[in-house]
């Protein structure tokens, strides 16, 4: 079973993701979609929707210009956008 800690360890230590890292050692948008952490987040969002929880989208409170694969998959699952 993959939990948050195992996913983070995988993200930080798995050499398979090195091909997606940039000069700042960050994993690209497309690379993130291949990680176990992304899959766990996607699974969580599907569970929340299936259970009928109310989700409120507060947008981008920190005004970060970079897109987020995590936020994008959540809004797709919760709101269809």
PDB file of N, CA and C in Angstrom:
ATOM      1  N   UNK A   1       0.840  -1.187   0.000  1.00  0.00           N
ATOM      2  CA  UNK A   1       0.000   0.000   0.000  1.00  0.00           C
ATOM      3  C   UNK A   1       0.882   1.245   0.000  1.00  0.00           C
ATOM      4  N   UNK A   2       0.608   2.137  -0.885  1.00  0.00           N
ATOM      5  CA  UNK A   2       1.359   3.384  -0.969  1.00  0.00           C
ATOM      6  C   UNK A   2       0.693   4.429  -0.094  1.00  0.00           C
ATOM      7  N   UNK A   3       1.452   4.969   0.833  1.00  0.00           N
ATOM      8  CA  UNK A   3       0.957   6.079   1.643  1.00  0.00           C
ATOM      9  C   UNK A   3       1.748   7.325   1.266  1.00  0.00           C
ATOM     10  N   UNK A   4       1.406   8.430   1.867  1.00  0.00           N
ATOM     11  CA  UNK A   4       2.025   9.701   1.512  1.00  0.00           C
ATOM     12  C   UNK A   4       3.543   9.664   1.692  1.00  0.00           C
ATOM     13  N   UNK A   5       4.031   9.123   2.793  1.00  0.00           N
ATOM     14  CA  UNK A   5       5.467   9.102   3.046  1.00  0.00           C
ATOM     15  C   UNK A   5       6.210   8.263   2.010  1.00  0.00           C
ATOM     16  N   UNK A   6       5.670   7.101   1.681  1.00  0.00           N
ATOM     17  CA  UNK A   6       6.328   6.258   0.666  1.00  0.00           C
ATOM     18  C   UNK A   6       6.344   6.944  -0.685  1.00  0.00           C
ATOM     19  N   UNK A   7       5.258   7.665  -1.009  1.00  0.00           N
ATOM     20  CA  UNK A   7       5.208   8.397  -2.274  1.00  0.00           C
ATOM     21  C   UNK A   7       6.238   9.515  -2.299  1.00  0.00           C
ATOM     22  N   UNK A   8       6.381  10.231  -1.197  1.00  0.00           N
ATOM     23  CA  UNK A   8       7.382  11.305  -1.130  1.00  0.00           C
ATOM     24  C   UNK A   8       8.796  10.737  -1.238  1.00  0.00           C
ATOM     25  N   UNK A   9       9.050   9.635  -0.548  1.00  0.00           N
ATOM     26  CA  UNK A   9      10.360   8.990  -0.644  1.00  0.00           C
ATOM     27  C   UNK A   9      10.642   8.576  -2.089  1.00  0.00           C
ATOM     28  N   UNK A  10       9.640   8.007  -2.753  1.00  0.00           N
ATOM     29  CA  UNK A  10       9.776   7.595  -4.137  1.00  0.00           C
ATOM     30  C   UNK A  10      10.080   8.801  -5.019  1.00  0.00           C
ATOM     31  N   UNK A  11       9.368   9.885  -4.788  1.00  0.00           N
ATOM     32  CA  UNK A  11       9.542  11.105  -5.568  1.00  0.00           C
ATOM     33  C   UNK A  11      10.955  11.661  -5.428  1.00  0.00           C
ATOM     34  N   UNK A  12      11.499  11.619  -4.229  1.00  0.00           N
ATOM     35  CA  UNK A  12      12.811  12.197  -3.969  1.00  0.00           C
ATOM     36  C   UNK A  12      13.971  11.273  -4.350  1.00  0.00           C
ATOM     37  N   UNK A  13      13.751   9.972  -4.322  1.00  0.00           N
ATOM     38  CA  UNK A  13      14.867   9.032  -4.440  1.00  0.00           C
ATOM     39  C   UNK A  13      14.834   8.112  -5.661  1.00  0.00           C
ATOM     40  N   UNK A  14      13.784   8.149  -6.444  1.00  0.00           N
ATOM     41  CA  UNK A  14      13.668   7.240  -7.575  1.00  0.00           C
ATOM     42  C   UNK A  14      14.364   7.832  -8.802  1.00  0.00           C
ATOM     43  N   UNK A  15      15.398   7.170  -9.262  1.00  0.00           N
ATOM     44  CA  UNK A  15      16.170   7.654 -10.410  1.00  0.00           C
ATOM     45  C   UNK A  15      15.350   7.699 -11.700  1.00  0.00           C
ATOM     46  N   UNK A  16      14.240   6.996 -11.756  1.00  0.00           N
ATOM     47  CA  UNK A  16      13.400   7.009 -12.951  1.00  0.00           C
ATOM     48  C   UNK A  16      12.887   8.416 -13.266  1.00  0.00           C
ATOM     49  N   UNK A  17      12.785   9.258 -12.246  1.00  0.00           N
ATOM     50  CA  UNK A  17      12.262  10.607 -12.458  1.00  0.00           C
ATOM     51  C   UNK A  17      13.337  11.612 -12.858  1.00  0.00           C
ATOM     52  N   UNK A  18      14.603  11.208 -12.838  1.00  0.00           N
ATOM     53  CA  UNK A  18      15.694  12.136 -13.151  1.00  0.00           C
ATOM     54  C   UNK A  18      15.566  12.731 -14.551  1.00  0.00           C
ATOM     55  N   UNK A  19      15.032  11.966 -15.480  1.00  0.00           N
ATOM     56  CA  UNK A  19      14.881  12.471 -16.848  1.00  0.00           C
ATOM     57  C   UNK A  19      13.884  13.629 -16.943  1.00  0.00           C
ATOM     58  N   UNK A  20      13.072  13.804 -15.911  1.00  0.00           N
ATOM     59  CA  UNK A  20      12.063  14.867 -15.901  1.00  0.00           C
ATOM     60  C   UNK A  20      12.484  16.070 -15.044  1.00  0.00           C
ATOM     61  N   UNK A  21      13.657  16.008 -14.436  1.00  0.00           N
ATOM     62  CA  UNK A  21      14.102  17.096 -13.559  1.00  0.00           C
ATOM     63  C   UNK A  21      14.745  18.223 -14.361  1.00  0.00           C
ATOM     64  N   UNK A  22      14.509  19.447 -13.888  1.00  0.00           N
ATOM     65  CA  UNK A  22      15.124  20.605 -14.535  1.00  0.00           C
ATOM     66  C   UNK A  22      16.366  21.033 -13.751  1.00  0.00           C
ATOM     67  N   UNK A  23      16.920  22.196 -14.099  1.00  0.00           N
ATOM     68  CA  UNK A  23      18.150  22.681 -13.464  1.00  0.00           C
ATOM     69  C   UNK A  23      17.976  22.929 -11.966  1.00  0.00           C
ATOM     70  N   UNK A  24      16.749  23.200 -11.530  1.00  0.00           N
ATOM     71  CA  UNK A  24      16.479  23.421 -10.105  1.00  0.00           C
ATOM     72  C   UNK A  24      16.128  22.117  -9.383  1.00  0.00           C
ATOM     73  N   UNK A  25      16.242  20.984 -10.082  1.00  0.00           N
ATOM     74  CA  UNK A  25      15.939  19.661  -9.546  1.00  0.00           C
ATOM     75  C   UNK A  25      14.428  19.440  -9.346  1.00  0.00           C
ATOM     76  N   UNK A  26      13.618  20.256 -10.013  1.00  0.00           N
ATOM     77  CA  UNK A  26      12.169  20.091  -9.948  1.00  0.00           C
ATOM     78  C   UNK A  26      11.720  19.181 -11.079  1.00  0.00           C
ATOM     79  N   UNK A  27      10.685  18.401 -10.821  1.00  0.00           N
ATOM     80  CA  UNK A  27      10.149  17.499 -11.840  1.00  0.00           C
ATOM     81  C   UNK A  27       9.130  18.265 -12.683  1.00  0.00           C
ATOM     82  N   UNK A  28       9.210  18.098 -13.986  1.00  0.00           N
ATOM     83  CA  UNK A  28       8.334  18.819 -14.910  1.00  0.00           C
ATOM     84  C   UNK A  28       6.862  18.433 -14.709  1.00  0.00           C
ATOM     85  N   UNK A  29       6.000  19.251 -15.271  1.00  0.00           N
ATOM     86  CA  UNK A  29       4.553  19.022 -15.220  1.00  0.00           C
ATOM     87  C   UNK A  29       4.219  17.614 -15.726  1.00  0.00           C
ATOM     88  N   UNK A  30       4.738  17.260 -16.897  1.00  0.00           N
ATOM     89  CA  UNK A  30       4.462  15.932 -17.464  1.00  0.00           C
ATOM     90  C   UNK A  30       5.113  14.823 -16.646  1.00  0.00           C
ATOM     91  N   UNK A  31       6.289  15.090 -16.096  1.00  0.00           N
ATOM     92  CA  UNK A  31       6.962  14.097 -15.265  1.00  0.00           C
ATOM     93  C   UNK A  31       6.191  13.794 -13.992  1.00  0.00           C
ATOM     94  N   UNK A  32       5.591  14.828 -13.398  1.00  0.00           N
ATOM     95  CA  UNK A  32       4.805  14.639 -12.171  1.00  0.00           C
ATOM     96  C   UNK A  32       3.684  13.629 -12.402  1.00  0.00           C
ATOM     97  N   UNK A  33       3.084  13.664 -13.583  1.00  0.00           N
ATOM     98  CA  UNK A  33       1.970  12.765 -13.886  1.00  0.00           C
ATOM     99  C   UNK A  33       2.381  11.290 -13.872  1.00  0.00           C
ATOM    100  N   UNK A  34       3.664  11.024 -13.900  1.00  0.00           N
ATOM    101  CA  UNK A  34       4.161   9.644 -13.893  1.00  0.00           C
ATOM    102  C   UNK A  34       4.540   9.157 -12.496  1.00  0.00           C
ATOM    103  N   UNK A  35       4.412  10.018 -11.496  1.00  0.00           N
ATOM    104  CA  UNK A  35       4.839   9.651 -10.145  1.00  0.00           C
ATOM    105  C   UNK A  35       3.729   8.957  -9.354  1.00  0.00           C
ATOM    106  N   UNK A  36       4.137   8.208  -8.368  1.00  0.00           N
ATOM    107  CA  UNK A  36       3.178   7.541  -7.494  1.00  0.00           C
ATOM    108  C   UNK A  36       2.414   8.562  -6.643  1.00  0.00           C
ATOM    109  N   UNK A  37       3.072   9.663  -6.303  1.00  0.00           N
ATOM    110  CA  UNK A  37       2.402  10.713  -5.537  1.00  0.00           C
ATOM    111  C   UNK A  37       1.228  11.296  -6.332  1.00  0.00           C
ATOM    112  N   UNK A  38       1.412  11.509  -7.615  1.00  0.00           N
ATOM    113  CA  UNK A  38       0.332  12.005  -8.473  1.00  0.00           C
ATOM    114  C   UNK A  38      -0.814  10.993  -8.517  1.00  0.00           C
ATOM    115  N   UNK A  39      -0.466   9.723  -8.673  1.00  0.00           N
ATOM    116  CA  UNK A  39      -1.495   8.672  -8.720  1.00  0.00           C
ATOM    117  C   UNK A  39      -2.263   8.595  -7.398  1.00  0.00           C
ATOM    118  N   UNK A  40      -1.559   8.758  -6.276  1.00  0.00           N
ATOM    119  CA  UNK A  40      -2.223   8.749  -4.973  1.00  0.00           C
ATOM    120  C   UNK A  40      -3.167   9.946  -4.856  1.00  0.00           C
ATOM    121  N   UNK A  41      -2.735  11.098  -5.322  1.00  0.00           N
ATOM    122  CA  UNK A  41      -3.578  12.296  -5.298  1.00  0.00           C
ATOM    123  C   UNK A  41      -4.819  12.105  -6.175  1.00  0.00           C
ATOM    124  N   UNK A  42      -4.632  11.518  -7.337  1.00  0.00           N
ATOM    125  CA  UNK A  42      -5.756  11.252  -8.241  1.00  0.00           C
ATOM    126  C   UNK A  42      -6.747  10.278  -7.598  1.00  0.00           C
ATOM    127  N   UNK A  43      -6.219   9.240  -6.963  1.00  0.00           N
ATOM    128  CA  UNK A  43      -7.061   8.268  -6.269  1.00  0.00           C
ATOM    129  C   UNK A  43      -7.846   8.943  -5.142  1.00  0.00           C
ATOM    130  N   UNK A  44      -7.167   9.796  -4.373  1.00  0.00           N
ATOM    131  CA  UNK A  44      -7.808  10.526  -3.280  1.00  0.00           C
ATOM    132  C   UNK A  44      -8.949  11.399  -3.809  1.00  0.00           C
ATOM    133  N   UNK A  45      -8.710  12.138  -4.883  1.00  0.00           N
ATOM    134  CA  UNK A  45      -9.734  13.021  -5.447  1.00  0.00           C
ATOM    135  C   UNK A  45     -10.938  12.221  -5.918  1.00  0.00           C
ATOM    136  N   UNK A  46     -10.709  11.084  -6.545  1.00  0.00           N
ATOM    137  CA  UNK A  46     -11.824  10.231  -6.975  1.00  0.00           C
ATOM    138  C   UNK A  46     -12.613   9.720  -5.779  1.00  0.00           C
ATOM    139  N   UNK A  47     -11.928   9.366  -4.699  1.00  0.00           N
ATOM    140  CA  UNK A  47     -12.595   8.899  -3.489  1.00  0.00           C
ATOM    141  C   UNK A  47     -13.464  10.007  -2.884  1.00  0.00           C
ATOM    142  N   UNK A  48     -12.917  11.208  -2.787  1.00  0.00           N
ATOM    143  CA  UNK A  48     -13.653  12.341  -2.227  1.00  0.00           C
ATOM    144  C   UNK A  48     -14.921  12.600  -3.041  1.00  0.00           C
ATOM    145  N   UNK A  49     -14.801  12.558  -4.347  1.00  0.00           N
ATOM    146  CA  UNK A  49     -15.974  12.769  -5.211  1.00  0.00           C
ATOM    147  C   UNK A  49     -16.988  11.649  -5.027  1.00  0.00           C
ATOM    148  N   UNK A  50     -16.513  10.404  -5.013  1.00  0.00           N
ATOM    149  CA  UNK A  50     -17.409   9.255  -4.869  1.00  0.00           C
ATOM    150  C   UNK A  50     -18.171   9.298  -3.550  1.00  0.00           C
ATOM    151  N   UNK A  51     -17.511   9.752  -2.496  1.00  0.00           N
ATOM    152  CA  UNK A  51     -18.141   9.818  -1.178  1.00  0.00           C
ATOM    153  C   UNK A  51     -19.093  11.011  -1.030  1.00  0.00           C
ATOM    154  N   UNK A  52     -19.102  11.899  -2.007  1.00  0.00           N
ATOM    155  CA  UNK A  52     -20.050  13.002  -2.000  1.00  0.00           C
ATOM    156  C   UNK A  52     -19.656  14.202  -1.159  1.00  0.00           C
ATOM    157  N   UNK A  53     -18.375  14.335  -0.855  1.00  0.00           N
ATOM    158  CA  UNK A  53     -17.915  15.497  -0.095  1.00  0.00           C
ATOM    159  C   UNK A  53     -18.101  16.779  -0.901  1.00  0.00           C
ATOM    160  N   UNK A  54     -18.336  17.869  -0.218  1.00  0.00           N
ATOM    161  CA  UNK A  54     -18.393  19.175  -0.860  1.00  0.00           C
ATOM    162  C   UNK A  54     -16.971  19.709  -0.975  1.00  0.00           C
ATOM    163  N   UNK A  55     -16.609  20.126  -2.170  1.00  0.00           N
ATOM    164  CA  UNK A  55     -15.275  20.659  -2.421  1.00  0.00           C
ATOM    165  C   UNK A  55     -15.424  22.119  -2.841  1.00  0.00           C
ATOM    166  N   UNK A  56     -14.692  22.981  -2.189  1.00  0.00           N
ATOM    167  CA  UNK A  56     -14.707  24.405  -2.503  1.00  0.00           C
ATOM    168  C   UNK A  56     -13.353  24.771  -3.089  1.00  0.00           C
ATOM    169  N   UNK A  57     -13.370  25.323  -4.284  1.00  0.00           N
ATOM    170  CA  UNK A  57     -12.144  25.724  -4.963  1.00  0.00           C
ATOM    171  C   UNK A  57     -11.851  27.181  -4.625  1.00  0.00           C
ATOM    172  N   UNK A  58     -10.756  27.415  -3.913  1.00  0.00           N
ATOM    173  CA  UNK A  58     -10.397  28.792  -3.549  1.00  0.00           C
ATOM    174  C   UNK A  58      -9.432  29.395  -4.562  1.00  0.00           C
ATOM    175  N   UNK A  59      -9.164  28.666  -5.610  1.00  0.00           N
ATOM    176  CA  UNK A  59      -8.311  29.199  -6.667  1.00  0.00           C
ATOM    177  C   UNK A  59      -6.844  29.115  -6.340  1.00  0.00           C
ATOM    178  N   UNK A  60      -6.128  30.155  -6.665  1.00  0.00           N
ATOM    179  CA  UNK A  60      -4.677  30.204  -6.514  1.00  0.00           C
ATOM    180  C   UNK A  60      -4.326  31.264  -5.464  1.00  0.00           C
ATOM    181  N   UNK A  61      -4.439  30.925  -4.162  1.00  0.00           N
ATOM    182  CA  UNK A  61      -4.266  31.938  -3.118  1.00  0.00           C
ATOM    183  C   UNK A  61      -2.864  32.540  -3.034  1.00  0.00           C
ATOM    184  N   UNK A  62      -1.861  31.827  -3.512  1.00  0.00           N
ATOM    185  CA  UNK A  62      -0.489  32.341  -3.448  1.00  0.00           C
ATOM    186  C   UNK A  62      -0.045  32.987  -4.755  1.00  0.00           C
ATOM    187  N   UNK A  63      -0.957  33.075  -5.704  1.00  0.00           N
ATOM    188  CA  UNK A  63      -0.703  33.701  -7.002  1.00  0.00           C
ATOM    189  C   UNK A  63       0.576  33.141  -7.656  1.00  0.00           C
ATOM    190  N   UNK A  64       0.697  31.842  -7.675  1.00  0.00           N
ATOM    191  CA  UNK A  64       1.857  31.210  -8.311  1.00  0.00           C
ATOM    192  C   UNK A  64       1.569  31.074  -9.809  1.00  0.00           C
ATOM    193  N   UNK A  65       2.505  31.506 -10.645  1.00  0.00           N
ATOM    194  CA  UNK A  65       2.264  31.493 -12.089  1.00  0.00           C
ATOM    195  C   UNK A  65       2.381  30.109 -12.737  1.00  0.00           C
ATOM    196  N   UNK A  66       3.073  29.190 -12.082  1.00  0.00           N
ATOM    197  CA  UNK A  66       3.301  27.871 -12.677  1.00  0.00           C
ATOM    198  C   UNK A  66       2.081  26.979 -12.533  1.00  0.00           C
ATOM    199  N   UNK A  67       1.749  26.212 -13.577  1.00  0.00           N
ATOM    200  CA  UNK A  67       0.631  25.278 -13.470  1.00  0.00           C
ATOM    201  C   UNK A  67       0.981  24.134 -12.519  1.00  0.00           C
ATOM    202  N   UNK A  68      -0.049  23.537 -11.947  1.00  0.00           N
ATOM    203  CA  UNK A  68       0.131  22.413 -11.027  1.00  0.00           C
ATOM    204  C   UNK A  68      -0.625  21.202 -11.563  1.00  0.00           C
ATOM    205  N   UNK A  69       0.096  20.126 -11.821  1.00  0.00           N
ATOM    206  CA  UNK A  69      -0.549  18.899 -12.291  1.00  0.00           C
ATOM    207  C   UNK A  69      -1.513  18.370 -11.234  1.00  0.00           C
ATOM    208  N   UNK A  70      -1.182  18.556  -9.961  1.00  0.00           N
ATOM    209  CA  UNK A  70      -2.048  18.086  -8.873  1.00  0.00           C
ATOM    210  C   UNK A  70      -3.364  18.865  -8.858  1.00  0.00           C
ATOM    211  N   UNK A  71      -3.281  20.183  -8.902  1.00  0.00           N
ATOM    212  CA  UNK A  71      -4.480  21.023  -8.913  1.00  0.00           C
ATOM    213  C   UNK A  71      -5.315  20.739 -10.162  1.00  0.00           C
ATOM    214  N   UNK A  72      -4.654  20.587 -11.290  1.00  0.00           N
ATOM    215  CA  UNK A  72      -5.373  20.350 -12.542  1.00  0.00           C
ATOM    216  C   UNK A  72      -6.160  19.051 -12.518  1.00  0.00           C
ATOM    217  N   UNK A  73      -5.576  17.972 -11.987  1.00  0.00           N
ATOM    218  CA  UNK A  73      -6.316  16.703 -11.945  1.00  0.00           C
ATOM    219  C   UNK A  73      -7.455  16.785 -10.934  1.00  0.00           C
ATOM    220  N   UNK A  74      -7.244  17.502  -9.841  1.00  0.00           N
ATOM    221  CA  UNK A  74      -8.314  17.656  -8.852  1.00  0.00           C
ATOM    222  C   UNK A  74      -9.485  18.431  -9.439  1.00  0.00           C
ATOM    223  N   UNK A  75      -9.226  19.546 -10.109  1.00  0.00           N
ATOM    224  CA  UNK A  75     -10.333  20.326 -10.682  1.00  0.00           C
ATOM    225  C   UNK A  75     -11.031  19.555 -11.798  1.00  0.00           C
ATOM    226  N   UNK A  76     -10.288  18.742 -12.532  1.00  0.00           N
ATOM    227  CA  UNK A  76     -10.905  17.910 -13.559  1.00  0.00           C
ATOM    228  C   UNK A  76     -11.863  16.900 -12.925  1.00  0.00           C
ATOM    229  N   UNK A  77     -11.427  16.247 -11.871  1.00  0.00           N
ATOM    230  CA  UNK A  77     -12.259  15.239 -11.209  1.00  0.00           C
ATOM    231  C   UNK A  77     -13.437  15.886 -10.484  1.00  0.00           C
ATOM    232  N   UNK A  78     -13.192  16.943  -9.719  1.00  0.00           N
ATOM    233  CA  UNK A  78     -14.254  17.551  -8.910  1.00  0.00           C
ATOM    234  C   UNK A  78     -15.246  18.367  -9.741  1.00  0.00           C
ATOM    235  N   UNK A  79     -14.730  19.111 -10.716  1.00  0.00           N
ATOM    236  CA  UNK A  79     -15.571  20.082 -11.410  1.00  0.00           C
ATOM    237  C   UNK A  79     -15.661  19.859 -12.918  1.00  0.00           C
ATOM    238  N   UNK A  80     -14.933  18.878 -13.438  1.00  0.00           N
ATOM    239  CA  UNK A  80     -14.974  18.602 -14.862  1.00  0.00           C
ATOM    240  C   UNK A  80     -14.304  19.652 -15.728  1.00  0.00           C
ATOM    241  N   UNK A  81     -13.359  20.397 -15.143  1.00  0.00           N
ATOM    242  CA  UNK A  81     -12.655  21.424 -15.931  1.00  0.00           C
ATOM    243  C   UNK A  81     -11.169  21.277 -15.820  1.00  0.00           C
TER     244      UNK A  81
END
